[in-house]
Amino acid sequence: MEIAPGKNIAIKVPLHKWEDTIVFYRDKVGLKVVKELANSTGFAFGGMTLWIDRVEKQSQVDVWLELFTSDPNRALERLGSPRRDELEPLDDVTGHWTSDPAGVVLLVRNE
């Protein structure tokens, strides 16, 4: 079983910092917007999508990463990481939310 980088990186941003963060990546860094949702903007970031997500009840910024694997359950065992599926719904995704020892949230999922 292999674990590999996914296609998405998410920066979870407090409500009061979200608009300035979008402007920073779009206008100052110059990243191309590839998708806009009510509470999320996706930017082309090399071969990945960088999502800037607006989180209403959050006080600090978090970075969330995606990892691909053929067996998310075995991957959690191998990583020795806790299951944290309460973080966000996993609609139509086979996988689990977890975190690394530093607290970075990881989505370990099937591609």
PDB file of N, CA and C in Angstrom:
ATOM      1  N   MET A   1       0.847  -1.185   0.000  1.00  0.00           N
ATOM      2  CA  MET A   1       0.000   0.000   0.000  1.00  0.00           C
ATOM      3  C   MET A   1       0.891   1.246   0.000  1.00  0.00           C
ATOM      4  N   GLU A   2       0.635   2.113  -0.941  1.00  0.00           N
ATOM      5  CA  GLU A   2       1.389   3.361  -1.079  1.00  0.00           C
ATOM      6  C   GLU A   2       0.536   4.526  -0.593  1.00  0.00           C
ATOM      7  N   ILE A   3       1.196   5.525  -0.015  1.00  0.00           N
ATOM      8  CA  ILE A   3       0.545   6.780   0.337  1.00  0.00           C
ATOM      9  C   ILE A   3       1.235   7.862  -0.482  1.00  0.00           C
ATOM     10  N   ALA A   4       0.446   8.681  -1.192  1.00  0.00           N
ATOM     11  CA  ALA A   4       1.013   9.682  -2.095  1.00  0.00           C
ATOM     12  C   ALA A   4       0.288  11.021  -1.923  1.00  0.00           C
ATOM     13  N   PRO A   5       0.929  12.125  -2.323  1.00  0.00           N
ATOM     14  CA  PRO A   5       0.248  13.425  -2.269  1.00  0.00           C
ATOM     15  C   PRO A   5      -1.020  13.413  -3.101  1.00  0.00           C
ATOM     16  N   GLY A   6      -2.028  14.120  -2.616  1.00  0.00           N
ATOM     17  CA  GLY A   6      -3.280  14.248  -3.347  1.00  0.00           C
ATOM     18  C   GLY A   6      -3.226  15.422  -4.304  1.00  0.00           C
ATOM     19  N   LYS A   7      -4.386  15.959  -4.623  1.00  0.00           N
ATOM     20  CA  LYS A   7      -4.486  17.053  -5.584  1.00  0.00           C
ATOM     21  C   LYS A   7      -4.953  18.351  -4.944  1.00  0.00           C
ATOM     22  N   ASN A   8      -5.203  18.333  -3.620  1.00  0.00           N
ATOM     23  CA  ASN A   8      -5.774  19.500  -2.951  1.00  0.00           C
ATOM     24  C   ASN A   8      -5.004  19.873  -1.693  1.00  0.00           C
ATOM     25  N   ILE A   9      -4.858  21.168  -1.501  1.00  0.00           N
ATOM     26  CA  ILE A   9      -4.352  21.761  -0.265  1.00  0.00           C
ATOM     27  C   ILE A   9      -5.412  22.779   0.145  1.00  0.00           C
ATOM     28  N   ALA A  10      -5.771  22.806   1.415  1.00  0.00           N
ATOM     29  CA  ALA A  10      -6.756  23.785   1.877  1.00  0.00           C
ATOM     30  C   ALA A  10      -6.152  24.637   2.983  1.00  0.00           C
ATOM     31  N   ILE A  11      -6.366  25.931   2.879  1.00  0.00           N
ATOM     32  CA  ILE A  11      -6.023  26.841   3.959  1.00  0.00           C
ATOM     33  C   ILE A  11      -7.350  27.299   4.546  1.00  0.00           C
ATOM     34  N   LYS A  12      -7.592  26.921   5.796  1.00  0.00           N
ATOM     35  CA  LYS A  12      -8.828  27.275   6.500  1.00  0.00           C
ATOM     36  C   LYS A  12      -8.590  28.626   7.167  1.00  0.00           C
ATOM     37  N   VAL A  13      -9.365  29.631   6.758  1.00  0.00           N
ATOM     38  CA  VAL A  13      -9.114  31.025   7.150  1.00  0.00           C
ATOM     39  C   VAL A  13     -10.306  31.569   7.936  1.00  0.00           C
ATOM     40  N   PRO A  14     -10.032  32.262   9.057  1.00  0.00           N
ATOM     41  CA  PRO A  14     -11.127  32.902   9.793  1.00  0.00           C
ATOM     42  C   PRO A  14     -11.872  33.896   8.906  1.00  0.00           C
ATOM     43  N   LEU A  15     -13.157  34.056   9.199  1.00  0.00           N
ATOM     44  CA  LEU A  15     -14.034  34.927   8.423  1.00  0.00           C
ATOM     45  C   LEU A  15     -13.432  36.311   8.190  1.00  0.00           C
ATOM     46  N   HIS A  16     -12.854  36.918   9.222  1.00  0.00           N
ATOM     47  CA  HIS A  16     -12.356  38.287   9.116  1.00  0.00           C
ATOM     48  C   HIS A  16     -11.074  38.411   8.281  1.00  0.00           C
ATOM     49  N   LYS A  17     -10.434  37.300   7.928  1.00  0.00           N
ATOM     50  CA  LYS A  17      -9.204  37.325   7.123  1.00  0.00           C
ATOM     51  C   LYS A  17      -9.399  36.777   5.716  1.00  0.00           C
ATOM     52  N   TRP A  18     -10.599  36.238   5.435  1.00  0.00           N
ATOM     53  CA  TRP A  18     -10.813  35.498   4.191  1.00  0.00           C
ATOM     54  C   TRP A  18     -10.670  36.376   2.949  1.00  0.00           C
ATOM     55  N   GLU A  19     -11.353  37.491   2.892  1.00  0.00           N
ATOM     56  CA  GLU A  19     -11.321  38.326   1.688  1.00  0.00           C
ATOM     57  C   GLU A  19      -9.907  38.822   1.383  1.00  0.00           C
ATOM     58  N   ASP A  20      -9.176  39.285   2.395  1.00  0.00           N
ATOM     59  CA  ASP A  20      -7.797  39.743   2.188  1.00  0.00           C
ATOM     60  C   ASP A  20      -6.899  38.608   1.707  1.00  0.00           C
ATOM     61  N   THR A  21      -7.164  37.402   2.177  1.00  0.00           N
ATOM     62  CA  THR A  21      -6.360  36.247   1.765  1.00  0.00           C
ATOM     63  C   THR A  21      -6.629  35.905   0.304  1.00  0.00           C
ATOM     64  N   ILE A  22      -7.888  35.971  -0.116  1.00  0.00           N
ATOM     65  CA  ILE A  22      -8.231  35.738  -1.529  1.00  0.00           C
ATOM     66  C   ILE A  22      -7.522  36.763  -2.409  1.00  0.00           C
ATOM     67  N   VAL A  23      -7.604  38.039  -2.030  1.00  0.00           N
ATOM     68  CA  VAL A  23      -6.951  39.109  -2.792  1.00  0.00           C
ATOM     69  C   VAL A  23      -5.443  38.873  -2.872  1.00  0.00           C
ATOM     70  N   PHE A  24      -4.830  38.458  -1.772  1.00  0.00           N
ATOM     71  CA  PHE A  24      -3.389  38.201  -1.745  1.00  0.00           C
ATOM     72  C   PHE A  24      -2.994  37.157  -2.785  1.00  0.00           C
ATOM     73  N   TYR A  25      -3.645  35.987  -2.760  1.00  0.00           N
ATOM     74  CA  TYR A  25      -3.266  34.915  -3.690  1.00  0.00           C
ATOM     75  C   TYR A  25      -3.654  35.227  -5.131  1.00  0.00           C
ATOM     76  N   ARG A  26      -4.773  35.902  -5.339  1.00  0.00           N
ATOM     77  CA  ARG A  26      -5.228  36.223  -6.690  1.00  0.00           C
ATOM     78  C   ARG A  26      -4.443  37.383  -7.281  1.00  0.00           C
ATOM     79  N   ASP A  27      -4.343  38.507  -6.552  1.00  0.00           N
ATOM     80  CA  ASP A  27      -3.802  39.739  -7.121  1.00  0.00           C
ATOM     81  C   ASP A  27      -2.312  39.928  -6.890  1.00  0.00           C
ATOM     82  N   LYS A  28      -1.812  39.528  -5.745  1.00  0.00           N
ATOM     83  CA  LYS A  28      -0.391  39.733  -5.455  1.00  0.00           C
ATOM     84  C   LYS A  28       0.465  38.565  -5.896  1.00  0.00           C
ATOM     85  N   VAL A  29       0.037  37.329  -5.563  1.00  0.00           N
ATOM     86  CA  VAL A  29       0.785  36.152  -6.009  1.00  0.00           C
ATOM     87  C   VAL A  29       0.510  35.890  -7.483  1.00  0.00           C
ATOM     88  N   GLY A  30      -0.708  36.180  -7.937  1.00  0.00           N
ATOM     89  CA  GLY A  30      -1.060  35.999  -9.344  1.00  0.00           C
ATOM     90  C   GLY A  30      -1.575  34.617  -9.694  1.00  0.00           C
ATOM     91  N   LEU A  31      -2.104  33.890  -8.713  1.00  0.00           N
ATOM     92  CA  LEU A  31      -2.643  32.565  -9.002  1.00  0.00           C
ATOM     93  C   LEU A  31      -3.984  32.685  -9.729  1.00  0.00           C
ATOM     94  N   LYS A  32      -4.228  31.756 -10.643  1.00  0.00           N
ATOM     95  CA  LYS A  32      -5.465  31.743 -11.429  1.00  0.00           C
ATOM     96  C   LYS A  32      -6.576  31.063 -10.629  1.00  0.00           C
ATOM     97  N   VAL A  33      -7.721  31.724 -10.539  1.00  0.00           N
ATOM     98  CA  VAL A  33      -8.899  31.144  -9.890  1.00  0.00           C
ATOM     99  C   VAL A  33      -9.465  30.073 -10.813  1.00  0.00           C
ATOM    100  N   VAL A  34      -9.643  28.858 -10.284  1.00  0.00           N
ATOM    101  CA  VAL A  34     -10.201  27.767 -11.081  1.00  0.00           C
ATOM    102  C   VAL A  34     -11.610  27.388 -10.648  1.00  0.00           C
ATOM    103  N   LYS A  35     -12.009  27.763  -9.427  1.00  0.00           N
ATOM    104  CA  LYS A  35     -13.369  27.468  -8.968  1.00  0.00           C
ATOM    105  C   LYS A  35     -13.713  28.387  -7.804  1.00  0.00           C
ATOM    106  N   GLU A  36     -14.945  28.884  -7.834  1.00  0.00           N
ATOM    107  CA  GLU A  36     -15.434  29.722  -6.741  1.00  0.00           C
ATOM    108  C   GLU A  36     -16.721  29.129  -6.194  1.00  0.00           C
ATOM    109  N   LEU A  37     -16.758  28.933  -4.890  1.00  0.00           N
ATOM    110  CA  LEU A  37     -17.936  28.453  -4.181  1.00  0.00           C
ATOM    111  C   LEU A  37     -18.305  29.504  -3.145  1.00  0.00           C
ATOM    112  N   ALA A  38     -19.410  29.317  -2.466  1.00  0.00           N
ATOM    113  CA  ALA A  38     -19.860  30.310  -1.481  1.00  0.00           C
ATOM    114  C   ALA A  38     -18.821  30.582  -0.410  1.00  0.00           C
ATOM    115  N   ASN A  39     -18.156  29.546   0.086  1.00  0.00           N
ATOM    116  CA  ASN A  39     -17.195  29.710   1.178  1.00  0.00           C
ATOM    117  C   ASN A  39     -15.811  29.195   0.844  1.00  0.00           C
ATOM    118  N   SER A  40     -15.496  29.117  -0.445  1.00  0.00           N
ATOM    119  CA  SER A  40     -14.205  28.561  -0.847  1.00  0.00           C
ATOM    120  C   SER A  40     -13.843  29.038  -2.247  1.00  0.00           C
ATOM    121  N   THR A  41     -12.573  29.364  -2.418  1.00  0.00           N
ATOM    122  CA  THR A  41     -12.041  29.717  -3.736  1.00  0.00           C
ATOM    123  C   THR A  41     -10.853  28.816  -4.013  1.00  0.00           C
ATOM    124  N   GLY A  42     -10.859  28.176  -5.191  1.00  0.00           N
ATOM    125  CA  GLY A  42      -9.777  27.286  -5.585  1.00  0.00           C
ATOM    126  C   GLY A  42      -8.872  27.961  -6.605  1.00  0.00           C
ATOM    127  N   PHE A  43      -7.567  27.830  -6.380  1.00  0.00           N
ATOM    128  CA  PHE A  43      -6.558  28.401  -7.265  1.00  0.00           C
ATOM    129  C   PHE A  43      -5.702  27.291  -7.860  1.00  0.00           C
ATOM    130  N   ALA A  44      -5.286  27.453  -9.127  1.00  0.00           N
ATOM    131  CA  ALA A  44      -4.315  26.545  -9.727  1.00  0.00           C
ATOM    132  C   ALA A  44      -3.003  26.723  -8.974  1.00  0.00           C
ATOM    133  N   PHE A  45      -2.437  25.604  -8.512  1.00  0.00           N
ATOM    134  CA  PHE A  45      -1.211  25.634  -7.702  1.00  0.00           C
ATOM    135  C   PHE A  45      -0.333  24.488  -8.168  1.00  0.00           C
ATOM    136  N   GLY A  46       0.367  24.712  -9.297  1.00  0.00           N
ATOM    137  CA  GLY A  46       1.118  23.628  -9.924  1.00  0.00           C
ATOM    138  C   GLY A  46       0.133  22.570 -10.378  1.00  0.00           C
ATOM    139  N   GLY A  47       0.368  21.321 -10.017  1.00  0.00           N
ATOM    140  CA  GLY A  47      -0.536  20.237 -10.352  1.00  0.00           C
ATOM    141  C   GLY A  47      -1.643  20.043  -9.327  1.00  0.00           C
ATOM    142  N   MET A  48      -1.746  20.961  -8.392  1.00  0.00           N
ATOM    143  CA  MET A  48      -2.734  20.848  -7.323  1.00  0.00           C
ATOM    144  C   MET A  48      -3.704  22.023  -7.365  1.00  0.00           C
ATOM    145  N   THR A  49      -4.730  21.934  -6.532  1.00  0.00           N
ATOM    146  CA  THR A  49      -5.631  23.064  -6.315  1.00  0.00           C
ATOM    147  C   THR A  49      -5.438  23.531  -4.886  1.00  0.00           C
ATOM    148  N   LEU A  50      -5.183  24.819  -4.725  1.00  0.00           N
ATOM    149  CA  LEU A  50      -5.076  25.448  -3.412  1.00  0.00           C
ATOM    150  C   LEU A  50      -6.424  26.065  -3.101  1.00  0.00           C
ATOM    151  N   TRP A  51      -7.094  25.555  -2.067  1.00  0.00           N
ATOM    152  CA  TRP A  51      -8.396  26.053  -1.655  1.00  0.00           C
ATOM    153  C   TRP A  51      -8.231  27.004  -0.485  1.00  0.00           C
ATOM    154  N   ILE A  52      -8.824  28.167  -0.591  1.00  0.00           N
ATOM    155  CA  ILE A  52      -8.898  29.104   0.526  1.00  0.00           C
ATOM    156  C   ILE A  52     -10.337  29.021   1.022  1.00  0.00           C
ATOM    157  N   ASP A  53     -10.509  28.429   2.196  1.00  0.00           N
ATOM    158  CA  ASP A  53     -11.841  28.170   2.742  1.00  0.00           C
ATOM    159  C   ASP A  53     -12.158  29.149   3.864  1.00  0.00           C
ATOM    160  N   ARG A  54     -13.325  29.758   3.781  1.00  0.00           N
ATOM    161  CA  ARG A  54     -13.798  30.673   4.827  1.00  0.00           C
ATOM    162  C   ARG A  54     -14.461  29.837   5.923  1.00  0.00           C
ATOM    163  N   VAL A  55     -13.962  29.986   7.166  1.00  0.00           N
ATOM    164  CA  VAL A  55     -14.493  29.228   8.293  1.00  0.00           C
ATOM    165  C   VAL A  55     -14.985  30.221   9.340  1.00  0.00           C
ATOM    166  N   GLU A  56     -16.294  30.267   9.503  1.00  0.00           N
ATOM    167  CA  GLU A  56     -16.931  31.284  10.335  1.00  0.00           C
ATOM    168  C   GLU A  56     -16.495  31.241  11.790  1.00  0.00           C
ATOM    169  N   LYS A  57     -16.363  30.058  12.368  1.00  0.00           N
ATOM    170  CA  LYS A  57     -16.078  29.957  13.800  1.00  0.00           C
ATOM    171  C   LYS A  57     -14.648  29.504  14.058  1.00  0.00           C
ATOM    172  N   GLN A  58     -13.725  30.083  13.350  1.00  0.00           N
ATOM    173  CA  GLN A  58     -12.319  29.725  13.510  1.00  0.00           C
ATOM    174  C   GLN A  58     -11.529  30.975  13.872  1.00  0.00           C
ATOM    175  N   SER A  59     -10.556  30.828  14.767  1.00  0.00           N
ATOM    176  CA  SER A  59      -9.794  31.993  15.210  1.00  0.00           C
ATOM    177  C   SER A  59      -8.388  32.037  14.629  1.00  0.00           C
ATOM    178  N   GLN A  60      -7.924  30.934  14.060  1.00  0.00           N
ATOM    179  CA  GLN A  60      -6.582  30.909  13.490  1.00  0.00           C
ATOM    180  C   GLN A  60      -6.596  30.183  12.151  1.00  0.00           C
ATOM    181  N   VAL A  61      -5.517  30.308  11.418  1.00  0.00           N
ATOM    182  CA  VAL A  61      -5.387  29.664  10.113  1.00  0.00           C
ATOM    183  C   VAL A  61      -4.889  28.235  10.301  1.00  0.00           C
ATOM    184  N   ASP A  62      -5.447  27.305   9.543  1.00  0.00           N
ATOM    185  CA  ASP A  62      -4.994  25.916   9.507  1.00  0.00           C
ATOM    186  C   ASP A  62      -4.699  25.544   8.068  1.00  0.00           C
ATOM    187  N   VAL A  63      -3.710  24.680   7.868  1.00  0.00           N
ATOM    188  CA  VAL A  63      -3.433  24.115   6.551  1.00  0.00           C
ATOM    189  C   VAL A  63      -3.851  22.653   6.597  1.00  0.00           C
ATOM    190  N   TRP A  64      -4.665  22.234   5.631  1.00  0.00           N
ATOM    191  CA  TRP A  64      -5.120  20.857   5.529  1.00  0.00           C
ATOM    192  C   TRP A  64      -4.578  20.268   4.235  1.00  0.00           C
ATOM    193  N   LEU A  65      -4.072  19.029   4.287  1.00  0.00           N
ATOM    194  CA  LEU A  65      -3.486  18.364   3.129  1.00  0.00           C
ATOM    195  C   LEU A  65      -4.265  17.104   2.781  1.00  0.00           C
ATOM    196  N   GLU A  66      -4.156  16.708   1.512  1.00  0.00           N
ATOM    197  CA  GLU A  66      -4.812  15.501   1.027  1.00  0.00           C
ATOM    198  C   GLU A  66      -3.754  14.473   0.650  1.00  0.00           C
ATOM    199  N   LEU A  67      -3.984  13.219   1.065  1.00  0.00           N
ATOM    200  CA  LEU A  67      -3.122  12.104   0.693  1.00  0.00           C
ATOM    201  C   LEU A  67      -3.972  11.037   0.028  1.00  0.00           C
ATOM    202  N   PHE A  68      -3.443  10.421  -1.038  1.00  0.00           N
ATOM    203  CA  PHE A  68      -4.134   9.343  -1.736  1.00  0.00           C
ATOM    204  C   PHE A  68      -3.548   8.002  -1.333  1.00  0.00           C
ATOM    205  N   THR A  69      -4.412   7.002  -1.206  1.00  0.00           N
ATOM    206  CA  THR A  69      -3.995   5.637  -0.913  1.00  0.00           C
ATOM    207  C   THR A  69      -5.081   4.681  -1.380  1.00  0.00           C
ATOM    208  N   SER A  70      -4.714   3.458  -1.637  1.00  0.00           N
ATOM    209  CA  SER A  70      -5.703   2.461  -2.058  1.00  0.00           C
ATOM    210  C   SER A  70      -6.504   1.920  -0.866  1.00  0.00           C
ATOM    211  N   ASP A  71      -5.984   2.070   0.341  1.00  0.00           N
ATOM    212  CA  ASP A  71      -6.649   1.521   1.530  1.00  0.00           C
ATOM    213  C   ASP A  71      -6.555   2.512   2.687  1.00  0.00           C
ATOM    214  N   PRO A  72      -7.522   3.449   2.783  1.00  0.00           N
ATOM    215  CA  PRO A  72      -7.472   4.468   3.838  1.00  0.00           C
ATOM    216  C   PRO A  72      -7.427   3.898   5.254  1.00  0.00           C
ATOM    217  N   ASN A  73      -8.094   2.780   5.509  1.00  0.00           N
ATOM    218  CA  ASN A  73      -8.067   2.197   6.854  1.00  0.00           C
ATOM    219  C   ASN A  73      -6.669   1.708   7.229  1.00  0.00           C
ATOM    220  N   ARG A  74      -6.034   0.991   6.312  1.00  0.00           N
ATOM    221  CA  ARG A  74      -4.657   0.520   6.566  1.00  0.00           C
ATOM    222  C   ARG A  74      -3.698   1.682   6.665  1.00  0.00           C
ATOM    223  N   ALA A  75      -3.929   2.733   5.870  1.00  0.00           N
ATOM    224  CA  ALA A  75      -3.044   3.903   5.928  1.00  0.00           C
ATOM    225  C   ALA A  75      -3.100   4.547   7.307  1.00  0.00           C
ATOM    226  N   LEU A  76      -4.299   4.668   7.893  1.00  0.00           N
ATOM    227  CA  LEU A  76      -4.405   5.224   9.257  1.00  0.00           C
ATOM    228  C   LEU A  76      -3.630   4.379  10.251  1.00  0.00           C
ATOM    229  N   GLU A  77      -3.728   3.060  10.117  1.00  0.00           N
ATOM    230  CA  GLU A  77      -2.973   2.167  11.002  1.00  0.00           C
ATOM    231  C   GLU A  77      -1.472   2.380  10.828  1.00  0.00           C
ATOM    232  N   ARG A  78      -1.027   2.443   9.584  1.00  0.00           N
ATOM    233  CA  ARG A  78       0.398   2.637   9.301  1.00  0.00           C
ATOM    234  C   ARG A  78       0.904   3.960   9.853  1.00  0.00           C
ATOM    235  N   LEU A  79       0.107   5.013   9.688  1.00  0.00           N
ATOM    236  CA  LEU A  79       0.500   6.331  10.175  1.00  0.00           C
ATOM    237  C   LEU A  79       0.411   6.437  11.693  1.00  0.00           C
ATOM    238  N   GLY A  80      -0.399   5.580  12.297  1.00  0.00           N
ATOM    239  CA  GLY A  80      -0.603   5.671  13.743  1.00  0.00           C
ATOM    240  C   GLY A  80      -1.348   6.938  14.124  1.00  0.00           C
ATOM    241  N   SER A  81      -2.191   7.405  13.215  1.00  0.00           N
ATOM    242  CA  SER A  81      -2.895   8.670  13.393  1.00  0.00           C
ATOM    243  C   SER A  81      -4.325   8.435  13.840  1.00  0.00           C
ATOM    244  N   PRO A  82      -4.899   9.368  14.590  1.00  0.00           N
ATOM    245  CA  PRO A  82      -6.272   9.213  15.053  1.00  0.00           C
ATOM    246  C   PRO A  82      -7.281   9.458  13.934  1.00  0.00           C
ATOM    247  N   ARG A  83      -8.408   8.783  13.999  1.00  0.00           N
ATOM    248  CA  ARG A  83      -9.509   9.052  13.074  1.00  0.00           C
ATOM    249  C   ARG A  83     -10.208  10.309  13.570  1.00  0.00           C
ATOM    250  N   ARG A  84     -10.387  11.292  12.658  1.00  0.00           N
ATOM    251  CA  ARG A  84     -10.999  12.567  13.038  1.00  0.00           C
ATOM    252  C   ARG A  84     -12.122  12.927  12.074  1.00  0.00           C
ATOM    253  N   ASP A  85     -12.969  11.958  11.753  1.00  0.00           N
ATOM    254  CA  ASP A  85     -14.015  12.137  10.759  1.00  0.00           C
ATOM    255  C   ASP A  85     -15.079  13.149  11.150  1.00  0.00           C
ATOM    256  N   GLU A  86     -15.054  13.633  12.382  1.00  0.00           N
ATOM    257  CA  GLU A  86     -16.010  14.652  12.807  1.00  0.00           C
ATOM    258  C   GLU A  86     -15.668  16.041  12.261  1.00  0.00           C
ATOM    259  N   LEU A  87     -14.498  16.218  11.679  1.00  0.00           N
ATOM    260  CA  LEU A  87     -14.044  17.540  11.238  1.00  0.00           C
ATOM    261  C   LEU A  87     -14.912  18.139  10.140  1.00  0.00           C
ATOM    262  N   GLU A  88     -15.211  17.375   9.112  1.00  0.00           N
ATOM    263  CA  GLU A  88     -16.051  17.824   7.991  1.00  0.00           C
ATOM    264  C   GLU A  88     -16.705  16.588   7.384  1.00  0.00           C
ATOM    265  N   PRO A  89     -17.897  16.751   6.801  1.00  0.00           N
ATOM    266  CA  PRO A  89     -18.520  15.610   6.117  1.00  0.00           C
ATOM    267  C   PRO A  89     -17.651  15.117   4.960  1.00  0.00           C
ATOM    268  N   LEU A  90     -17.653  13.821   4.739  1.00  0.00           N
ATOM    269  CA  LEU A  90     -16.893  13.212   3.641  1.00  0.00           C
ATOM    270  C   LEU A  90     -17.854  12.687   2.578  1.00  0.00           C
ATOM    271  N   ASP A  91     -18.702  13.553   2.076  1.00  0.00           N
ATOM    272  CA  ASP A  91     -19.679  13.176   1.063  1.00  0.00           C
ATOM    273  C   ASP A  91     -18.987  12.601  -0.170  1.00  0.00           C
ATOM    274  N   ASP A  92     -19.417  11.412  -0.578  1.00  0.00           N
ATOM    275  CA  ASP A  92     -18.912  10.765  -1.799  1.00  0.00           C
ATOM    276  C   ASP A  92     -17.398  10.566  -1.800  1.00  0.00           C
ATOM    277  N   VAL A  93     -16.779  10.492  -0.631  1.00  0.00           N
ATOM    278  CA  VAL A  93     -15.334  10.268  -0.536  1.00  0.00           C
ATOM    279  C   VAL A  93     -15.107   9.035   0.328  1.00  0.00           C
ATOM    280  N   THR A  94     -14.254   8.131  -0.151  1.00  0.00           N
ATOM    281  CA  THR A  94     -13.874   6.976   0.650  1.00  0.00           C
ATOM    282  C   THR A  94     -12.555   7.311   1.317  1.00  0.00           C
ATOM    283  N   GLY A  95     -12.613   7.581   2.608  1.00  0.00           N
ATOM    284  CA  GLY A  95     -11.406   7.947   3.331  1.00  0.00           C
ATOM    285  C   GLY A  95     -11.718   8.419   4.731  1.00  0.00           C
ATOM    286  N   HIS A  96     -10.724   9.036   5.350  1.00  0.00           N
ATOM    287  CA  HIS A  96     -10.849   9.512   6.726  1.00  0.00           C
ATOM    288  C   HIS A  96     -10.070  10.805   6.906  1.00  0.00           C
ATOM    289  N   TRP A  97     -10.577  11.644   7.798  1.00  0.00           N
ATOM    290  CA  TRP A  97      -9.812  12.779   8.286  1.00  0.00           C
ATOM    291  C   TRP A  97      -8.926  12.273   9.418  1.00  0.00           C
ATOM    292  N   THR A  98      -7.712  12.802   9.491  1.00  0.00           N
ATOM    293  CA  THR A  98      -6.786  12.474  10.568  1.00  0.00           C
ATOM    294  C   THR A  98      -5.879  13.678  10.763  1.00  0.00           C
ATOM    295  N   SER A  99      -4.817  13.522  11.526  1.00  0.00           N
ATOM    296  CA  SER A  99      -3.853  14.618  11.682  1.00  0.00           C
ATOM    297  C   SER A  99      -2.472  14.047  11.945  1.00  0.00           C
ATOM    298  N   ASP A 100      -1.466  14.858  11.639  1.00  0.00           N
ATOM    299  CA  ASP A 100      -0.092  14.453  11.925  1.00  0.00           C
ATOM    300  C   ASP A 100       0.251  14.859  13.368  1.00  0.00           C
ATOM    301  N   PRO A 101       1.439  14.507  13.874  1.00  0.00           N
ATOM    302  CA  PRO A 101       1.776  14.846  15.264  1.00  0.00           C
ATOM    303  C   PRO A 101       1.765  16.346  15.566  1.00  0.00           C
ATOM    304  N   ALA A 102       1.962  17.194  14.551  1.00  0.00           N
ATOM    305  CA  ALA A 102       1.959  18.644  14.771  1.00  0.00           C
ATOM    306  C   ALA A 102       0.552  19.229  14.710  1.00  0.00           C
ATOM    307  N   GLY A 103      -0.439  18.408  14.335  1.00  0.00           N
ATOM    308  CA  GLY A 103      -1.816  18.880  14.275  1.00  0.00           C
ATOM    309  C   GLY A 103      -2.297  19.262  12.889  1.00  0.00           C
ATOM    310  N   VAL A 104      -1.467  19.103  11.851  1.00  0.00           N
ATOM    311  CA  VAL A 104      -1.909  19.385  10.484  1.00  0.00           C
ATOM    312  C   VAL A 104      -2.965  18.344  10.112  1.00  0.00           C
ATOM    313  N   VAL A 105      -4.108  18.812   9.645  1.00  0.00           N
ATOM    314  CA  VAL A 105      -5.196  17.911   9.276  1.00  0.00           C
ATOM    315  C   VAL A 105      -4.882  17.274   7.924  1.00  0.00           C
ATOM    316  N   LEU A 106      -5.122  15.970   7.838  1.00  0.00           N
ATOM    317  CA  LEU A 106      -4.883  15.212   6.618  1.00  0.00           C
ATOM    318  C   LEU A 106      -6.160  14.494   6.210  1.00  0.00           C
ATOM    319  N   LEU A 107      -6.483  14.551   4.931  1.00  0.00           N
ATOM    320  CA  LEU A 107      -7.541  13.727   4.363  1.00  0.00           C
ATOM    321  C   LEU A 107      -6.838  12.562   3.673  1.00  0.00           C
ATOM    322  N   VAL A 108      -6.992  11.363   4.241  1.00  0.00           N
ATOM    323  CA  VAL A 108      -6.401  10.149   3.685  1.00  0.00           C
ATOM    324  C   VAL A 108      -7.537   9.437   2.957  1.00  0.00           C
ATOM    325  N   ARG A 109      -7.424   9.357   1.615  1.00  0.00           N
ATOM    326  CA  ARG A 109      -8.578   8.903   0.826  1.00  0.00           C
ATOM    327  C   ARG A 109      -8.168   8.156  -0.429  1.00  0.00           C
ATOM    328  N   ASN A 110      -9.148   7.459  -1.008  1.00  0.00           N
ATOM    329  CA  ASN A 110      -8.980   6.887  -2.342  1.00  0.00           C
ATOM    330  C   ASN A 110      -8.994   8.018  -3.349  1.00  0.00           C
ATOM    331  N   GLU A 111      -8.226   7.869  -4.415  1.00  0.00           N
ATOM    332  CA  GLU A 111      -8.237   8.890  -5.467  1.00  0.00           C
ATOM    333  C   GLU A 111      -9.542   8.832  -6.217  1.00  0.00           C
TER     334      GLU A 111
END
